[in-house]
């Protein structure tokens, strides 16, 4: 018979190396500013900072700093388009979690 404690301990040992990364990613969802931006980027992939600032009501500098934090957590990525930086989700896990939390798609979101 399999002991639940042993299974749980083995799973934790297997996950231990990845825990700091997981904590960083989940922390991004706990900050209201970053969560707003994740929802906005999810709804309108490829948006530049100016559009994200207008959509969220945040200052462009605040948006830029939050996006850098989200990029460092591996949740968004930047694509250069001339002088613009266009932002998209880079994590399928973040995408799935946003759906789980109730973030809807918009007409700008590619079908999947």
PDB file of N, CA and C in Angstrom:
ATOM      1  N   UNK A   1       0.844  -1.180   0.000  1.00  0.00           N
ATOM      2  CA  UNK A   1       0.000   0.000   0.000  1.00  0.00           C
ATOM      3  C   UNK A   1       0.894   1.250   0.000  1.00  0.00           C
ATOM      4  N   UNK A   2       0.532   2.227  -0.796  1.00  0.00           N
ATOM      5  CA  UNK A   2       1.310   3.460  -0.904  1.00  0.00           C
ATOM      6  C   UNK A   2       0.937   4.393   0.246  1.00  0.00           C
ATOM      7  N   UNK A   3       1.951   4.907   0.894  1.00  0.00           N
ATOM      8  CA  UNK A   3       1.740   5.836   2.006  1.00  0.00           C
ATOM      9  C   UNK A   3       1.657   7.266   1.462  1.00  0.00           C
ATOM     10  N   UNK A   4       0.555   7.988   1.725  1.00  0.00           N
ATOM     11  CA  UNK A   4       0.416   9.359   1.227  1.00  0.00           C
ATOM     12  C   UNK A   4       1.561  10.273   1.650  1.00  0.00           C
ATOM     13  N   UNK A   5       2.069  10.070   2.870  1.00  0.00           N
ATOM     14  CA  UNK A   5       3.158  10.929   3.344  1.00  0.00           C
ATOM     15  C   UNK A   5       4.407  10.764   2.484  1.00  0.00           C
ATOM     16  N   UNK A   6       4.682   9.521   2.077  1.00  0.00           N
ATOM     17  CA  UNK A   6       5.865   9.265   1.254  1.00  0.00           C
ATOM     18  C   UNK A   6       5.702   9.860  -0.134  1.00  0.00           C
ATOM     19  N   UNK A   7       4.503   9.749  -0.684  1.00  0.00           N
ATOM     20  CA  UNK A   7       4.240  10.320  -2.009  1.00  0.00           C
ATOM     21  C   UNK A   7       4.382  11.840  -1.949  1.00  0.00           C
ATOM     22  N   UNK A   8       3.808  12.449  -0.919  1.00  0.00           N
ATOM     23  CA  UNK A   8       3.902  13.905  -0.768  1.00  0.00           C
ATOM     24  C   UNK A   8       5.348  14.344  -0.584  1.00  0.00           C
ATOM     25  N   UNK A   9       6.089  13.620   0.232  1.00  0.00           N
ATOM     26  CA  UNK A   9       7.496  13.972   0.469  1.00  0.00           C
ATOM     27  C   UNK A   9       8.294  13.872  -0.829  1.00  0.00           C
ATOM     28  N   UNK A  10       8.076  12.814  -1.596  1.00  0.00           N
ATOM     29  CA  UNK A  10       8.789  12.636  -2.867  1.00  0.00           C
ATOM     30  C   UNK A  10       8.451  13.763  -3.837  1.00  0.00           C
ATOM     31  N   UNK A  11       7.181  14.136  -3.901  1.00  0.00           N
ATOM     32  CA  UNK A  11       6.771  15.224  -4.790  1.00  0.00           C
ATOM     33  C   UNK A  11       7.430  16.537  -4.382  1.00  0.00           C
ATOM     34  N   UNK A  12       7.490  16.798  -3.097  1.00  0.00           N
ATOM     35  CA  UNK A  12       8.135  18.026  -2.623  1.00  0.00           C
ATOM     36  C   UNK A  12       9.625  18.034  -2.912  1.00  0.00           C
ATOM     37  N   UNK A  13      10.268  16.913  -2.735  1.00  0.00           N
ATOM     38  CA  UNK A  13      11.700  16.830  -3.044  1.00  0.00           C
ATOM     39  C   UNK A  13      11.943  17.057  -4.530  1.00  0.00           C
ATOM     40  N   UNK A  14      11.073  16.505  -5.369  1.00  0.00           N
ATOM     41  CA  UNK A  14      11.200  16.701  -6.817  1.00  0.00           C
ATOM     42  C   UNK A  14      10.991  18.163  -7.203  1.00  0.00           C
ATOM     43  N   UNK A  15      10.108  18.855  -6.496  1.00  0.00           N
ATOM     44  CA  UNK A  15       9.758  20.235  -6.840  1.00  0.00           C
ATOM     45  C   UNK A  15      10.661  21.269  -6.179  1.00  0.00           C
ATOM     46  N   UNK A  16      11.436  20.862  -5.199  1.00  0.00           N
ATOM     47  CA  UNK A  16      12.194  21.811  -4.373  1.00  0.00           C
ATOM     48  C   UNK A  16      13.058  22.775  -5.190  1.00  0.00           C
ATOM     49  N   UNK A  17      13.765  22.293  -6.190  1.00  0.00           N
ATOM     50  CA  UNK A  17      14.645  23.167  -6.977  1.00  0.00           C
ATOM     51  C   UNK A  17      13.864  24.241  -7.721  1.00  0.00           C
ATOM     52  N   UNK A  18      12.638  23.940  -8.113  1.00  0.00           N
ATOM     53  CA  UNK A  18      11.838  24.898  -8.865  1.00  0.00           C
ATOM     54  C   UNK A  18      10.972  25.804  -8.009  1.00  0.00           C
ATOM     55  N   UNK A  19      10.991  25.615  -6.694  1.00  0.00           N
ATOM     56  CA  UNK A  19      10.120  26.410  -5.825  1.00  0.00           C
ATOM     57  C   UNK A  19      10.385  27.913  -5.886  1.00  0.00           C
ATOM     58  N   UNK A  20      11.635  28.384  -5.870  1.00  0.00           N
ATOM     59  CA  UNK A  20      11.841  29.836  -5.943  1.00  0.00           C
ATOM     60  C   UNK A  20      11.232  30.453  -7.207  1.00  0.00           C
ATOM     61  N   UNK A  21      11.364  29.775  -8.330  1.00  0.00           N
ATOM     62  CA  UNK A  21      10.782  30.273  -9.577  1.00  0.00           C
ATOM     63  C   UNK A  21       9.260  30.292  -9.486  1.00  0.00           C
ATOM     64  N   UNK A  22       8.686  29.254  -8.926  1.00  0.00           N
ATOM     65  CA  UNK A  22       7.234  29.182  -8.766  1.00  0.00           C
ATOM     66  C   UNK A  22       6.732  30.295  -7.853  1.00  0.00           C
ATOM     67  N   UNK A  23       7.444  30.548  -6.774  1.00  0.00           N
ATOM     68  CA  UNK A  23       7.064  31.623  -5.850  1.00  0.00           C
ATOM     69  C   UNK A  23       7.105  32.969  -6.568  1.00  0.00           C
ATOM     70  N   UNK A  24       8.146  33.220  -7.364  1.00  0.00           N
ATOM     71  CA  UNK A  24       8.247  34.479  -8.112  1.00  0.00           C
ATOM     72  C   UNK A  24       7.085  34.640  -9.080  1.00  0.00           C
ATOM     73  N   UNK A  25       6.744  33.575  -9.773  1.00  0.00           N
ATOM     74  CA  UNK A  25       5.643  33.658 -10.740  1.00  0.00           C
ATOM     75  C   UNK A  25       4.314  33.913 -10.045  1.00  0.00           C
ATOM     76  N   UNK A  26       4.069  33.203  -8.961  1.00  0.00           N
ATOM     77  CA  UNK A  26       2.810  33.397  -8.246  1.00  0.00           C
ATOM     78  C   UNK A  26       2.747  34.770  -7.585  1.00  0.00           C
ATOM     79  N   UNK A  27       3.881  35.296  -7.137  1.00  0.00           N
ATOM     80  CA  UNK A  27       3.914  36.626  -6.520  1.00  0.00           C
ATOM     81  C   UNK A  27       3.458  37.690  -7.511  1.00  0.00           C
ATOM     82  N   UNK A  28       3.753  37.497  -8.775  1.00  0.00           N
ATOM     83  CA  UNK A  28       3.337  38.461  -9.795  1.00  0.00           C
ATOM     84  C   UNK A  28       1.820  38.593  -9.833  1.00  0.00           C
ATOM     85  N   UNK A  29       1.120  37.510  -9.545  1.00  0.00           N
ATOM     86  CA  UNK A  29      -0.341  37.529  -9.559  1.00  0.00           C
ATOM     87  C   UNK A  29      -0.923  38.178  -8.301  1.00  0.00           C
ATOM     88  N   UNK A  30      -0.118  38.349  -7.261  1.00  0.00           N
ATOM     89  CA  UNK A  30      -0.631  38.903  -6.006  1.00  0.00           C
ATOM     90  C   UNK A  30      -0.559  40.423  -5.957  1.00  0.00           C
ATOM     91  N   UNK A  31       0.121  41.034  -6.909  1.00  0.00           N
ATOM     92  CA  UNK A  31       0.242  42.487  -6.952  1.00  0.00           C
ATOM     93  C   UNK A  31      -0.842  43.041  -7.872  1.00  0.00           C
ATOM     94  N   UNK A  32      -1.703  43.961  -7.388  1.00  0.00           N
ATOM     95  CA  UNK A  32      -2.802  44.464  -8.221  1.00  0.00           C
ATOM     96  C   UNK A  32      -2.352  45.105  -9.536  1.00  0.00           C
ATOM     97  N   UNK A  33      -1.266  45.854  -9.507  1.00  0.00           N
ATOM     98  CA  UNK A  33      -0.779  46.492 -10.736  1.00  0.00           C
ATOM     99  C   UNK A  33      -0.350  45.444 -11.749  1.00  0.00           C
ATOM    100  N   UNK A  34       0.442  44.487 -11.319  1.00  0.00           N
ATOM    101  CA  UNK A  34       0.912  43.453 -12.239  1.00  0.00           C
ATOM    102  C   UNK A  34      -0.239  42.573 -12.720  1.00  0.00           C
ATOM    103  N   UNK A  35      -1.191  42.290 -11.849  1.00  0.00           N
ATOM    104  CA  UNK A  35      -2.333  41.476 -12.267  1.00  0.00           C
ATOM    105  C   UNK A  35      -3.164  42.208 -13.313  1.00  0.00           C
ATOM    106  N   UNK A  36      -3.380  43.510 -13.122  1.00  0.00           N
ATOM    107  CA  UNK A  36      -4.087  44.302 -14.138  1.00  0.00           C
ATOM    108  C   UNK A  36      -3.379  44.205 -15.486  1.00  0.00           C
ATOM    109  N   UNK A  37      -2.064  44.317 -15.455  1.00  0.00           N
ATOM    110  CA  UNK A  37      -1.301  44.265 -16.702  1.00  0.00           C
ATOM    111  C   UNK A  37      -1.345  42.883 -17.331  1.00  0.00           C
ATOM    112  N   UNK A  38      -1.283  41.835 -16.525  1.00  0.00           N
ATOM    113  CA  UNK A  38      -1.402  40.481 -17.076  1.00  0.00           C
ATOM    114  C   UNK A  38      -2.754  40.300 -17.760  1.00  0.00           C
ATOM    115  N   UNK A  39      -3.814  40.794 -17.134  1.00  0.00           N
ATOM    116  CA  UNK A  39      -5.147  40.688 -17.735  1.00  0.00           C
ATOM    117  C   UNK A  39      -5.209  41.497 -19.026  1.00  0.00           C
ATOM    118  N   UNK A  40      -4.637  42.703 -19.018  1.00  0.00           N
ATOM    119  CA  UNK A  40      -4.659  43.554 -20.212  1.00  0.00           C
ATOM    120  C   UNK A  40      -3.838  42.954 -21.349  1.00  0.00           C
ATOM    121  N   UNK A  41      -2.667  42.426 -21.037  1.00  0.00           N
ATOM    122  CA  UNK A  41      -1.823  41.803 -22.068  1.00  0.00           C
ATOM    123  C   UNK A  41      -2.501  40.545 -22.606  1.00  0.00           C
ATOM    124  N   UNK A  42      -3.159  39.812 -21.729  1.00  0.00           N
ATOM    125  CA  UNK A  42      -3.903  38.624 -22.156  1.00  0.00           C
ATOM    126  C   UNK A  42      -5.030  39.016 -23.111  1.00  0.00           C
ATOM    127  N   UNK A  43      -5.752  40.090 -22.781  1.00  0.00           N
ATOM    128  CA  UNK A  43      -6.886  40.520 -23.599  1.00  0.00           C
ATOM    129  C   UNK A  43      -6.450  41.114 -24.930  1.00  0.00           C
ATOM    130  N   UNK A  44      -5.331  41.818 -24.932  1.00  0.00           N
ATOM    131  CA  UNK A  44      -4.873  42.507 -26.142  1.00  0.00           C
ATOM    132  C   UNK A  44      -3.392  42.230 -26.363  1.00  0.00           C
ATOM    133  N   UNK A  45      -3.055  41.008 -26.805  1.00  0.00           N
ATOM    134  CA  UNK A  45      -1.646  40.661 -27.021  1.00  0.00           C
ATOM    135  C   UNK A  45      -0.992  41.599 -28.030  1.00  0.00           C
ATOM    136  N   UNK A  46       0.257  41.914 -27.774  1.00  0.00           N
ATOM    137  CA  UNK A  46       0.997  42.780 -28.686  1.00  0.00           C
ATOM    138  C   UNK A  46       0.802  44.256 -28.412  1.00  0.00           C
ATOM    139  N   UNK A  47       0.203  44.582 -27.281  1.00  0.00           N
ATOM    140  CA  UNK A  47      -0.037  45.988 -26.945  1.00  0.00           C
ATOM    141  C   UNK A  47       1.256  46.677 -26.525  1.00  0.00           C
ATOM    142  N   UNK A  48       1.429  47.938 -26.947  1.00  0.00           N
ATOM    143  CA  UNK A  48       2.573  48.719 -26.467  1.00  0.00           C
ATOM    144  C   UNK A  48       2.261  49.322 -25.097  1.00  0.00           C
ATOM    145  N   UNK A  49       3.273  49.839 -24.443  1.00  0.00           N
ATOM    146  CA  UNK A  49       3.133  50.414 -23.104  1.00  0.00           C
ATOM    147  C   UNK A  49       2.068  51.505 -23.080  1.00  0.00           C
ATOM    148  N   UNK A  50       2.061  52.369 -24.076  1.00  0.00           N
ATOM    149  CA  UNK A  50       1.102  53.484 -24.095  1.00  0.00           C
ATOM    150  C   UNK A  50      -0.336  52.965 -24.054  1.00  0.00           C
ATOM    151  N   UNK A  51      -0.631  51.931 -24.817  1.00  0.00           N
ATOM    152  CA  UNK A  51      -1.984  51.361 -24.829  1.00  0.00           C
ATOM    153  C   UNK A  51      -2.308  50.689 -23.498  1.00  0.00           C
ATOM    154  N   UNK A  52      -1.328  49.997 -22.925  1.00  0.00           N
ATOM    155  CA  UNK A  52      -1.547  49.345 -21.636  1.00  0.00           C
ATOM    156  C   UNK A  52      -1.752  50.380 -20.532  1.00  0.00           C
ATOM    157  N   UNK A  53      -1.015  51.486 -20.600  1.00  0.00           N
ATOM    158  CA  UNK A  53      -1.190  52.561 -19.619  1.00  0.00           C
ATOM    159  C   UNK A  53      -2.589  53.163 -19.738  1.00  0.00           C
ATOM    160  N   UNK A  54      -3.038  53.404 -20.961  1.00  0.00           N
ATOM    161  CA  UNK A  54      -4.376  53.961 -21.167  1.00  0.00           C
ATOM    162  C   UNK A  54      -5.457  52.996 -20.684  1.00  0.00           C
ATOM    163  N   UNK A  55      -5.274  51.719 -20.958  1.00  0.00           N
ATOM    164  CA  UNK A  55      -6.277  50.720 -20.576  1.00  0.00           C
ATOM    165  C   UNK A  55      -6.383  50.562 -19.066  1.00  0.00           C
ATOM    166  N   UNK A  56      -5.261  50.659 -18.371  1.00  0.00           N
ATOM    167  CA  UNK A  56      -5.246  50.419 -16.926  1.00  0.00           C
ATOM    168  C   UNK A  56      -5.353  51.692 -16.098  1.00  0.00           C
ATOM    169  N   UNK A  57      -5.107  52.845 -16.728  1.00  0.00           N
ATOM    170  CA  UNK A  57      -5.104  54.095 -15.980  1.00  0.00           C
ATOM    171  C   UNK A  57      -3.834  54.315 -15.181  1.00  0.00           C
ATOM    172  N   UNK A  58      -2.821  53.517 -15.477  1.00  0.00           N
ATOM    173  CA  UNK A  58      -1.536  53.631 -14.787  1.00  0.00           C
ATOM    174  C   UNK A  58      -0.594  54.531 -15.579  1.00  0.00           C
ATOM    175  N   UNK A  59       0.363  55.121 -14.889  1.00  0.00           N
ATOM    176  CA  UNK A  59       1.374  55.936 -15.559  1.00  0.00           C
ATOM    177  C   UNK A  59       2.255  55.032 -16.423  1.00  0.00           C
ATOM    178  N   UNK A  60       2.672  55.504 -17.604  1.00  0.00           N
ATOM    179  CA  UNK A  60       3.521  54.683 -18.470  1.00  0.00           C
ATOM    180  C   UNK A  60       4.771  54.156 -17.770  1.00  0.00           C
ATOM    181  N   UNK A  61       5.390  54.964 -16.911  1.00  0.00           N
ATOM    182  CA  UNK A  61       6.584  54.511 -16.198  1.00  0.00           C
ATOM    183  C   UNK A  61       6.251  53.354 -15.252  1.00  0.00           C
ATOM    184  N   UNK A  62       5.099  53.422 -14.606  1.00  0.00           N
ATOM    185  CA  UNK A  62       4.650  52.343 -13.719  1.00  0.00           C
ATOM    186  C   UNK A  62       4.427  51.071 -14.523  1.00  0.00           C
ATOM    187  N   UNK A  63       3.807  51.219 -15.687  1.00  0.00           N
ATOM    188  CA  UNK A  63       3.554  50.071 -16.570  1.00  0.00           C
ATOM    189  C   UNK A  63       4.873  49.443 -16.996  1.00  0.00           C
ATOM    190  N   UNK A  64       5.812  50.267 -17.420  1.00  0.00           N
ATOM    191  CA  UNK A  64       7.111  49.753 -17.866  1.00  0.00           C
ATOM    192  C   UNK A  64       7.807  48.973 -16.759  1.00  0.00           C
ATOM    193  N   UNK A  65       7.848  49.529 -15.563  1.00  0.00           N
ATOM    194  CA  UNK A  65       8.520  48.851 -14.449  1.00  0.00           C
ATOM    195  C   UNK A  65       7.830  47.533 -14.102  1.00  0.00           C
ATOM    196  N   UNK A  66       6.503  47.528 -14.104  1.00  0.00           N
ATOM    197  CA  UNK A  66       5.770  46.298 -13.798  1.00  0.00           C
ATOM    198  C   UNK A  66       5.990  45.249 -14.884  1.00  0.00           C
ATOM    199  N   UNK A  67       6.029  45.671 -16.143  1.00  0.00           N
ATOM    200  CA  UNK A  67       6.269  44.724 -17.238  1.00  0.00           C
ATOM    201  C   UNK A  67       7.668  44.121 -17.147  1.00  0.00           C
ATOM    202  N   UNK A  68       8.631  44.907 -16.735  1.00  0.00           N
ATOM    203  CA  UNK A  68       9.991  44.378 -16.554  1.00  0.00           C
ATOM    204  C   UNK A  68       9.983  43.298 -15.473  1.00  0.00           C
ATOM    205  N   UNK A  69       9.284  43.554 -14.377  1.00  0.00           N
ATOM    206  CA  UNK A  69       9.175  42.553 -13.308  1.00  0.00           C
ATOM    207  C   UNK A  69       8.492  41.292 -13.825  1.00  0.00           C
ATOM    208  N   UNK A  70       7.426  41.460 -14.600  1.00  0.00           N
ATOM    209  CA  UNK A  70       6.714  40.304 -15.163  1.00  0.00           C
ATOM    210  C   UNK A  70       7.596  39.543 -16.153  1.00  0.00           C
ATOM    211  N   UNK A  71       8.404  40.265 -16.906  1.00  0.00           N
ATOM    212  CA  UNK A  71       9.320  39.599 -17.841  1.00  0.00           C
ATOM    213  C   UNK A  71      10.373  38.803 -17.075  1.00  0.00           C
ATOM    214  N   UNK A  72      10.896  39.379 -16.009  1.00  0.00           N
ATOM    215  CA  UNK A  72      11.893  38.675 -15.191  1.00  0.00           C
ATOM    216  C   UNK A  72      11.309  37.419 -14.549  1.00  0.00           C
ATOM    217  N   UNK A  73       9.996  37.431 -14.300  1.00  0.00           N
ATOM    218  CA  UNK A  73       9.321  36.255 -13.738  1.00  0.00           C
ATOM    219  C   UNK A  73       8.957  35.243 -14.823  1.00  0.00           C
ATOM    220  N   UNK A  74       9.238  35.589 -16.089  1.00  0.00           N
ATOM    221  CA  UNK A  74       8.967  34.669 -17.185  1.00  0.00           C
ATOM    222  C   UNK A  74       7.517  34.627 -17.621  1.00  0.00           C
ATOM    223  N   UNK A  75       6.760  35.694 -17.333  1.00  0.00           N
ATOM    224  CA  UNK A  75       5.333  35.692 -17.643  1.00  0.00           C
ATOM    225  C   UNK A  75       4.976  36.456 -18.909  1.00  0.00           C
ATOM    226  N   UNK A  76       5.761  37.459 -19.267  1.00  0.00           N
ATOM    227  CA  UNK A  76       5.518  38.227 -20.491  1.00  0.00           C
ATOM    228  C   UNK A  76       6.820  38.339 -21.273  1.00  0.00           C
ATOM    229  N   UNK A  77       6.669  38.659 -22.545  1.00  0.00           N
ATOM    230  CA  UNK A  77       7.852  38.903 -23.376  1.00  0.00           C
ATOM    231  C   UNK A  77       7.605  40.130 -24.228  1.00  0.00           C
ATOM    232  N   UNK A  78       8.702  40.748 -24.612  1.00  0.00           N
ATOM    233  CA  UNK A  78       8.662  41.978 -25.391  1.00  0.00           C
ATOM    234  C   UNK A  78       9.168  41.695 -26.791  1.00  0.00           C
ATOM    235  N   UNK A  79       8.460  42.230 -27.765  1.00  0.00           N
ATOM    236  CA  UNK A  79       8.911  42.175 -29.154  1.00  0.00           C
ATOM    237  C   UNK A  79       9.064  43.614 -29.633  1.00  0.00           C
ATOM    238  N   UNK A  80      10.188  43.910 -30.222  1.00  0.00           N
ATOM    239  CA  UNK A  80      10.429  45.256 -30.738  1.00  0.00           C
ATOM    240  C   UNK A  80       9.739  45.410 -32.082  1.00  0.00           C
ATOM    241  N   UNK A  81       9.092  46.569 -32.243  1.00  0.00           N
ATOM    242  CA  UNK A  81       8.414  46.926 -33.487  1.00  0.00           C
ATOM    243  C   UNK A  81       8.786  48.377 -33.766  1.00  0.00           C
ATOM    244  N   UNK A  82       9.952  48.553 -34.410  1.00  0.00           N
ATOM    245  CA  UNK A  82      10.470  49.906 -34.580  1.00  0.00           C
ATOM    246  C   UNK A  82      10.824  50.475 -33.218  1.00  0.00           C
ATOM    247  N   UNK A  83      10.220  51.606 -32.885  1.00  0.00           N
ATOM    248  CA  UNK A  83      10.464  52.224 -31.580  1.00  0.00           C
ATOM    249  C   UNK A  83       9.580  51.643 -30.478  1.00  0.00           C
ATOM    250  N   UNK A  84       8.545  50.927 -30.870  1.00  0.00           N
ATOM    251  CA  UNK A  84       7.608  50.378 -29.888  1.00  0.00           C
ATOM    252  C   UNK A  84       8.075  49.034 -29.346  1.00  0.00           C
ATOM    253  N   UNK A  85       7.708  48.778 -28.112  1.00  0.00           N
ATOM    254  CA  UNK A  85       7.837  47.446 -27.527  1.00  0.00           C
ATOM    255  C   UNK A  85       6.428  46.902 -27.391  1.00  0.00           C
ATOM    256  N   UNK A  86       6.186  45.755 -27.985  1.00  0.00           N
ATOM    257  CA  UNK A  86       4.865  45.123 -27.904  1.00  0.00           C
ATOM    258  C   UNK A  86       4.962  43.941 -26.949  1.00  0.00           C
ATOM    259  N   UNK A  87       3.998  43.835 -26.057  1.00  0.00           N
ATOM    260  CA  UNK A  87       4.044  42.864 -24.973  1.00  0.00           C
ATOM    261  C   UNK A  87       3.010  41.764 -25.155  1.00  0.00           C
ATOM    262  N   UNK A  88       3.426  40.531 -24.900  1.00  0.00           N
ATOM    263  CA  UNK A  88       2.535  39.373 -24.956  1.00  0.00           C
ATOM    264  C   UNK A  88       2.849  38.450 -23.779  1.00  0.00           C
ATOM    265  N   UNK A  89       1.898  37.581 -23.461  1.00  0.00           N
ATOM    266  CA  UNK A  89       2.162  36.551 -22.456  1.00  0.00           C
ATOM    267  C   UNK A  89       3.173  35.582 -23.031  1.00  0.00           C
ATOM    268  N   UNK A  90       4.105  35.152 -22.221  1.00  0.00           N
ATOM    269  CA  UNK A  90       5.101  34.186 -22.693  1.00  0.00           C
ATOM    270  C   UNK A  90       4.928  32.834 -22.025  1.00  0.00           C
ATOM    271  N   UNK A  91       3.998  32.747 -21.112  1.00  0.00           N
ATOM    272  CA  UNK A  91       3.830  31.531 -20.332  1.00  0.00           C
ATOM    273  C   UNK A  91       2.440  30.944 -20.553  1.00  0.00           C
ATOM    274  N   UNK A  92       2.396  29.709 -21.038  1.00  0.00           N
ATOM    275  CA  UNK A  92       1.095  29.047 -21.185  1.00  0.00           C
ATOM    276  C   UNK A  92       0.479  28.792 -19.812  1.00  0.00           C
ATOM    277  N   UNK A  93       1.311  28.609 -18.801  1.00  0.00           N
ATOM    278  CA  UNK A  93       0.788  28.424 -17.443  1.00  0.00           C
ATOM    279  C   UNK A  93       0.101  29.702 -16.958  1.00  0.00           C
ATOM    280  N   UNK A  94       0.697  30.862 -17.238  1.00  0.00           N
ATOM    281  CA  UNK A  94       0.073  32.133 -16.855  1.00  0.00           C
ATOM    282  C   UNK A  94      -1.246  32.308 -17.589  1.00  0.00           C
ATOM    283  N   UNK A  95      -1.255  31.961 -18.862  1.00  0.00           N
ATOM    284  CA  UNK A  95      -2.475  32.047 -19.664  1.00  0.00           C
ATOM    285  C   UNK A  95      -3.571  31.184 -19.038  1.00  0.00           C
ATOM    286  N   UNK A  96      -3.231  29.952 -18.710  1.00  0.00           N
ATOM    287  CA  UNK A  96      -4.206  29.036 -18.116  1.00  0.00           C
ATOM    288  C   UNK A  96      -4.679  29.546 -16.755  1.00  0.00           C
ATOM    289  N   UNK A  97      -3.766  30.080 -15.950  1.00  0.00           N
ATOM    290  CA  UNK A  97      -4.149  30.587 -14.635  1.00  0.00           C
ATOM    291  C   UNK A  97      -5.069  31.799 -14.761  1.00  0.00           C
ATOM    292  N   UNK A  98      -4.790  32.669 -15.722  1.00  0.00           N
ATOM    293  CA  UNK A  98      -5.678  33.809 -15.946  1.00  0.00           C
ATOM    294  C   UNK A  98      -7.086  33.334 -16.295  1.00  0.00           C
ATOM    295  N   UNK A  99      -7.185  32.302 -17.124  1.00  0.00           N
ATOM    296  CA  UNK A  99      -8.509  31.747 -17.441  1.00  0.00           C
ATOM    297  C   UNK A  99      -9.156  31.164 -16.192  1.00  0.00           C
ATOM    298  N   UNK A 100      -8.382  30.460 -15.413  1.00  0.00           N
ATOM    299  CA  UNK A 100      -8.910  29.868 -14.184  1.00  0.00           C
ATOM    300  C   UNK A 100      -9.429  30.946 -13.233  1.00  0.00           C
ATOM    301  N   UNK A 101      -8.768  32.099 -13.226  1.00  0.00           N
ATOM    302  CA  UNK A 101      -9.181  33.214 -12.379  1.00  0.00           C
ATOM    303  C   UNK A 101     -10.328  34.012 -12.987  1.00  0.00           C
ATOM    304  N   UNK A 102     -10.715  33.676 -14.225  1.00  0.00           N
ATOM    305  CA  UNK A 102     -11.873  34.314 -14.842  1.00  0.00           C
ATOM    306  C   UNK A 102     -11.570  35.399 -15.850  1.00  0.00           C
ATOM    307  N   UNK A 103     -10.325  35.552 -16.273  1.00  0.00           N
ATOM    308  CA  UNK A 103      -9.988  36.573 -17.271  1.00  0.00           C
ATOM    309  C   UNK A 103     -10.518  36.139 -18.636  1.00  0.00           C
ATOM    310  N   UNK A 104     -11.389  36.940 -19.239  1.00  0.00           N
ATOM    311  CA  UNK A 104     -11.958  36.558 -20.537  1.00  0.00           C
ATOM    312  C   UNK A 104     -11.042  36.930 -21.698  1.00  0.00           C
ATOM    313  N   UNK A 105     -11.324  36.361 -22.846  1.00  0.00           N
ATOM    314  CA  UNK A 105     -10.658  36.784 -24.076  1.00  0.00           C
ATOM    315  C   UNK A 105     -11.382  38.001 -24.626  1.00  0.00           C
ATOM    316  N   UNK A 106     -10.687  38.754 -25.447  1.00  0.00           N
ATOM    317  CA  UNK A 106     -11.301  39.869 -26.160  1.00  0.00           C
ATOM    318  C   UNK A 106     -11.272  39.536 -27.643  1.00  0.00           C
ATOM    319  N   UNK A 107     -11.816  40.423 -28.441  1.00  0.00           N
ATOM    320  CA  UNK A 107     -11.785  40.215 -29.892  1.00  0.00           C
ATOM    321  C   UNK A 107     -10.367  40.320 -30.439  1.00  0.00           C
ATOM    322  N   UNK A 108      -9.445  40.893 -29.665  1.00  0.00           N
ATOM    323  CA  UNK A 108      -8.054  41.027 -30.099  1.00  0.00           C
ATOM    324  C   UNK A 108      -7.224  39.784 -29.804  1.00  0.00           C
ATOM    325  N   UNK A 109      -7.757  38.883 -29.001  1.00  0.00           N
ATOM    326  CA  UNK A 109      -7.015  37.690 -28.588  1.00  0.00           C
ATOM    327  C   UNK A 109      -7.132  36.621 -29.664  1.00  0.00           C
ATOM    328  N   UNK A 110      -6.006  36.044 -30.092  1.00  0.00           N
ATOM    329  CA  UNK A 110      -6.083  34.992 -31.108  1.00  0.00           C
ATOM    330  C   UNK A 110      -6.821  33.770 -30.565  1.00  0.00           C
ATOM    331  N   UNK A 111      -7.599  33.109 -31.408  1.00  0.00           N
ATOM    332  CA  UNK A 111      -8.327  31.922 -30.942  1.00  0.00           C
ATOM    333  C   UNK A 111      -7.378  30.787 -30.588  1.00  0.00           C
ATOM    334  N   UNK A 112      -7.820  29.965 -29.664  1.00  0.00           N
ATOM    335  CA  UNK A 112      -7.064  28.755 -29.316  1.00  0.00           C
ATOM    336  C   UNK A 112      -7.997  27.692 -28.827  1.00  0.00           C
TER     337      UNK A 112
END
